[in-house]
Amino acid sequence: MSIYEVNSTPTIEKIEKYDDDIHMFYRFQNKDWEMGEESWGMIFSTREEAIESAEEWGMTEEEAVLPGKSACNTAKELASFSGCFGNEYRVIVINGDQVGYGHDDEAVVDSIDIIEIWDYDDFMNLINNLEE
């Protein structure tokens, strides 16, 4: 059993509702990894690795590890990052407050609640059908 089990299905109506709410965000989350409360670039596997590599990448420690989780304001924006993820991930819909911007100009969010957890393939199929 994973940490993040699918508990709902994405729909066009839900996406329209969440896209219009400034406190709702989307993120890809590995179904077996705890989300945590900080973010570092996808190229690093741990907080410590990000800090150790910060200078090499021209960043300070504060820039390498961000207070909050990377997320996207819209479903379409999240889908634009899909090439970096796969079906071992879930789409998590988060209620929270944006506290800054991430390494790829995505929102960094102080998460309050996880509202829904969607299957990666269900989400991508819906987004792909919307674009057709």
C-alpha atoms as a PDB file:
ATOM      1  CA  MET A   1       0.000   0.000   0.000  1.00  0.00           C
ATOM      2  CA  SER A   2       1.277   3.493  -0.844  1.00  0.00           C
ATOM      3  CA  ILE A   3       1.280   6.610   1.277  1.00  0.00           C
ATOM      4  CA  TYR A   4      -0.855   8.422  -1.299  1.00  0.00           C
ATOM      5  CA  GLU A   5      -3.760   6.268  -2.415  1.00  0.00           C
ATOM      6  CA  VAL A   6      -6.078   7.565  -5.131  1.00  0.00           C
ATOM      7  CA  ASN A   7      -9.248   8.873  -3.488  1.00  0.00           C
ATOM      8  CA  SER A   8     -11.010  10.613  -6.379  1.00  0.00           C
ATOM      9  CA  THR A   9     -11.124  11.046 -10.140  1.00  0.00           C
ATOM     10  CA  PRO A  10     -10.282  14.261 -12.015  1.00  0.00           C
ATOM     11  CA  THR A  11     -13.072  15.904 -13.986  1.00  0.00           C
ATOM     12  CA  ILE A  12     -13.287  19.008 -16.145  1.00  0.00           C
ATOM     13  CA  GLU A  13     -15.609  20.588 -13.571  1.00  0.00           C
ATOM     14  CA  LYS A  14     -13.150  19.986 -10.714  1.00  0.00           C
ATOM     15  CA  ILE A  15     -10.241  21.358 -12.722  1.00  0.00           C
ATOM     16  CA  GLU A  16     -12.203  24.500 -13.632  1.00  0.00           C
ATOM     17  CA  LYS A  17     -13.154  24.981  -9.961  1.00  0.00           C
ATOM     18  CA  TYR A  18      -9.619  24.430  -8.634  1.00  0.00           C
ATOM     19  CA  ASP A  19      -7.956  26.491 -11.391  1.00  0.00           C
ATOM     20  CA  ASP A  20     -10.109  29.491 -10.364  1.00  0.00           C
ATOM     21  CA  ASP A  21      -9.295  29.253  -6.631  1.00  0.00           C
ATOM     22  CA  ILE A  22      -6.118  31.104  -5.542  1.00  0.00           C
ATOM     23  CA  HIS A  23      -5.671  28.685  -2.627  1.00  0.00           C
ATOM     24  CA  MET A  24      -5.781  25.487  -4.689  1.00  0.00           C
ATOM     25  CA  PHE A  25      -2.666  23.982  -6.258  1.00  0.00           C
ATOM     26  CA  TYR A  26      -1.601  20.812  -8.043  1.00  0.00           C
ATOM     27  CA  ARG A  27       1.590  18.792  -7.680  1.00  0.00           C
ATOM     28  CA  PHE A  28       2.999  15.465  -8.786  1.00  0.00           C
ATOM     29  CA  GLN A  29       3.894  13.372  -5.744  1.00  0.00           C
ATOM     30  CA  ASN A  30       5.552   9.971  -5.691  1.00  0.00           C
ATOM     31  CA  LYS A  31       2.945   7.668  -4.187  1.00  0.00           C
ATOM     32  CA  ASP A  32       5.507   6.101  -1.803  1.00  0.00           C
ATOM     33  CA  TRP A  33       7.366   9.213  -0.581  1.00  0.00           C
ATOM     34  CA  GLU A  34       6.217  11.497   2.207  1.00  0.00           C
ATOM     35  CA  MET A  35       5.567  14.985   0.826  1.00  0.00           C
ATOM     36  CA  GLY A  36       7.365  16.903   3.577  1.00  0.00           C
ATOM     37  CA  GLU A  37       7.428  20.677   3.958  1.00  0.00           C
ATOM     38  CA  GLU A  38      10.447  21.785   1.889  1.00  0.00           C
ATOM     39  CA  SER A  39      11.455  21.727  -1.773  1.00  0.00           C
ATOM     40  CA  TRP A  40      14.729  21.341  -3.570  1.00  0.00           C
ATOM     41  CA  GLY A  41      15.436  20.877  -7.255  1.00  0.00           C
ATOM     42  CA  MET A  42      14.388  17.608  -8.890  1.00  0.00           C
ATOM     43  CA  ILE A  43      18.018  16.837  -9.646  1.00  0.00           C
ATOM     44  CA  PHE A  44      18.729  16.346  -5.928  1.00  0.00           C
ATOM     45  CA  SER A  45      17.495  13.339  -4.004  1.00  0.00           C
ATOM     46  CA  THR A  46      17.904  14.828  -0.525  1.00  0.00           C
ATOM     47  CA  ARG A  47      17.936  18.178   1.246  1.00  0.00           C
ATOM     48  CA  GLU A  48      21.568  17.595   2.186  1.00  0.00           C
ATOM     49  CA  GLU A  49      22.584  16.944  -1.417  1.00  0.00           C
ATOM     50  CA  ALA A  50      20.911  20.202  -2.493  1.00  0.00           C
ATOM     51  CA  ILE A  51      22.762  22.145   0.208  1.00  0.00           C
ATOM     52  CA  GLU A  52      26.105  20.516  -0.663  1.00  0.00           C
ATOM     53  CA  SER A  53      25.613  21.347  -4.353  1.00  0.00           C
ATOM     54  CA  ALA A  54      24.228  24.858  -3.860  1.00  0.00           C
ATOM     55  CA  GLU A  55      27.482  26.720  -4.459  1.00  0.00           C
ATOM     56  CA  GLU A  56      28.278  24.632  -7.555  1.00  0.00           C
ATOM     57  CA  TRP A  57      24.882  25.623  -8.986  1.00  0.00           C
ATOM     58  CA  GLY A  58      25.350  29.284  -8.056  1.00  0.00           C
ATOM     59  CA  MET A  59      22.792  29.214  -5.240  1.00  0.00           C
ATOM     60  CA  THR A  60      22.784  29.992  -1.562  1.00  0.00           C
ATOM     61  CA  GLU A  61      21.515  27.380   0.892  1.00  0.00           C
ATOM     62  CA  GLU A  62      18.285  29.387   1.194  1.00  0.00           C
ATOM     63  CA  GLU A  63      17.829  29.265  -2.583  1.00  0.00           C
ATOM     64  CA  ALA A  64      18.625  25.546  -2.767  1.00  0.00           C
ATOM     65  CA  VAL A  65      16.075  24.499  -0.125  1.00  0.00           C
ATOM     66  CA  LEU A  66      12.781  26.350  -0.229  1.00  0.00           C
ATOM     67  CA  PRO A  67      10.238  26.559   2.611  1.00  0.00           C
ATOM     68  CA  GLY A  68       7.151  24.967   1.071  1.00  0.00           C
ATOM     69  CA  LYS A  69       6.308  22.506  -1.687  1.00  0.00           C
ATOM     70  CA  SER A  70       6.545  23.089  -5.414  1.00  0.00           C
ATOM     71  CA  ALA A  71       3.110  23.149  -6.987  1.00  0.00           C
ATOM     72  CA  CYS A  72       1.245  24.612  -9.935  1.00  0.00           C
ATOM     73  CA  ASN A  73      -1.648  27.055 -10.077  1.00  0.00           C
ATOM     74  CA  THR A  74      -3.421  25.248 -12.930  1.00  0.00           C
ATOM     75  CA  ALA A  75      -3.818  21.709 -14.151  1.00  0.00           C
ATOM     76  CA  LYS A  76      -2.419  22.656 -17.551  1.00  0.00           C
ATOM     77  CA  GLU A  77       0.718  24.108 -15.924  1.00  0.00           C
ATOM     78  CA  LEU A  78       1.206  20.884 -13.947  1.00  0.00           C
ATOM     79  CA  ALA A  79       0.779  18.809 -17.103  1.00  0.00           C
ATOM     80  CA  SER A  80       3.601  20.791 -18.720  1.00  0.00           C
ATOM     81  CA  PHE A  81       5.978  19.110 -16.225  1.00  0.00           C
ATOM     82  CA  SER A  82       4.657  15.590 -16.951  1.00  0.00           C
ATOM     83  CA  GLY A  83       7.764  14.623 -18.947  1.00  0.00           C
ATOM     84  CA  CYS A  84       9.698  14.536 -15.665  1.00  0.00           C
ATOM     85  CA  PHE A  85       7.237  12.157 -13.985  1.00  0.00           C
ATOM     86  CA  GLY A  86       5.399   8.903 -14.620  1.00  0.00           C
ATOM     87  CA  ASN A  87       2.623   6.717 -13.308  1.00  0.00           C
ATOM     88  CA  GLU A  88       4.448   5.981 -10.037  1.00  0.00           C
ATOM     89  CA  TYR A  89       3.307   9.513  -9.170  1.00  0.00           C
ATOM     90  CA  ARG A  90      -0.064  10.821  -8.083  1.00  0.00           C
ATOM     91  CA  VAL A  91      -1.602  14.198  -8.764  1.00  0.00           C
ATOM     92  CA  ILE A  92      -2.262  15.844  -5.431  1.00  0.00           C
ATOM     93  CA  VAL A  93      -4.671  18.756  -5.159  1.00  0.00           C
ATOM     94  CA  ILE A  94      -3.547  20.974  -2.286  1.00  0.00           C
ATOM     95  CA  ASN A  95      -5.266  23.734  -0.371  1.00  0.00           C
ATOM     96  CA  GLY A  96      -2.588  26.192   0.720  1.00  0.00           C
ATOM     97  CA  ASP A  97      -0.935  29.569   0.487  1.00  0.00           C
ATOM     98  CA  GLN A  98       1.716  30.526  -2.037  1.00  0.00           C
ATOM     99  CA  VAL A  99       4.893  31.623  -0.215  1.00  0.00           C
ATOM    100  CA  GLY A 100       7.196  32.155  -3.183  1.00  0.00           C
ATOM    101  CA  TYR A 101       8.463  30.772  -6.483  1.00  0.00           C
ATOM    102  CA  GLY A 102      10.481  27.639  -7.167  1.00  0.00           C
ATOM    103  CA  HIS A 103      13.489  26.782  -9.280  1.00  0.00           C
ATOM    104  CA  ASP A 104      11.330  26.433 -12.418  1.00  0.00           C
ATOM    105  CA  ASP A 105       9.180  29.500 -11.632  1.00  0.00           C
ATOM    106  CA  GLU A 106       6.432  27.280 -10.240  1.00  0.00           C
ATOM    107  CA  ALA A 107       4.571  28.261  -7.066  1.00  0.00           C
ATOM    108  CA  VAL A 108       6.010  27.248  -3.709  1.00  0.00           C
ATOM    109  CA  VAL A 109       3.134  26.494  -1.363  1.00  0.00           C
ATOM    110  CA  ASP A 110       2.637  26.181   2.360  1.00  0.00           C
ATOM    111  CA  SER A 111       0.244  23.231   2.268  1.00  0.00           C
ATOM    112  CA  ILE A 112      -2.757  23.274   4.602  1.00  0.00           C
ATOM    113  CA  ASP A 113      -4.695  20.215   3.371  1.00  0.00           C
ATOM    114  CA  ILE A 114      -4.605  17.594   0.660  1.00  0.00           C
ATOM    115  CA  ILE A 115      -8.019  17.865  -0.972  1.00  0.00           C
ATOM    116  CA  GLU A 116      -7.855  15.063  -3.567  1.00  0.00           C
ATOM    117  CA  ILE A 117      -5.429  12.440  -4.840  1.00  0.00           C
ATOM    118  CA  TRP A 118      -5.756  11.471  -8.504  1.00  0.00           C
ATOM    119  CA  ASP A 119      -4.221   8.739 -10.597  1.00  0.00           C
ATOM    120  CA  TYR A 120      -1.469  10.082 -12.873  1.00  0.00           C
ATOM    121  CA  ASP A 121      -2.833   8.351 -16.003  1.00  0.00           C
ATOM    122  CA  ASP A 122      -6.418   9.517 -15.334  1.00  0.00           C
ATOM    123  CA  PHE A 123      -5.170  13.101 -15.007  1.00  0.00           C
ATOM    124  CA  MET A 124      -2.987  13.003 -18.116  1.00  0.00           C
ATOM    125  CA  ASN A 125      -5.742  11.366 -20.193  1.00  0.00           C
ATOM    126  CA  LEU A 126      -8.198  14.098 -19.157  1.00  0.00           C
ATOM    127  CA  ILE A 127      -5.706  16.894 -19.914  1.00  0.00           C
ATOM    128  CA  ASN A 128      -4.802  15.353 -23.279  1.00  0.00           C
ATOM    129  CA  ASN A 129      -8.501  15.070 -24.185  1.00  0.00           C
ATOM    130  CA  LEU A 130      -9.034  18.743 -23.272  1.00  0.00           C
ATOM    131  CA  GLU A 131      -6.282  19.795 -25.652  1.00  0.00           C
ATOM    132  CA  GLU A 132      -7.687  17.869 -28.616  1.00  0.00           C
END
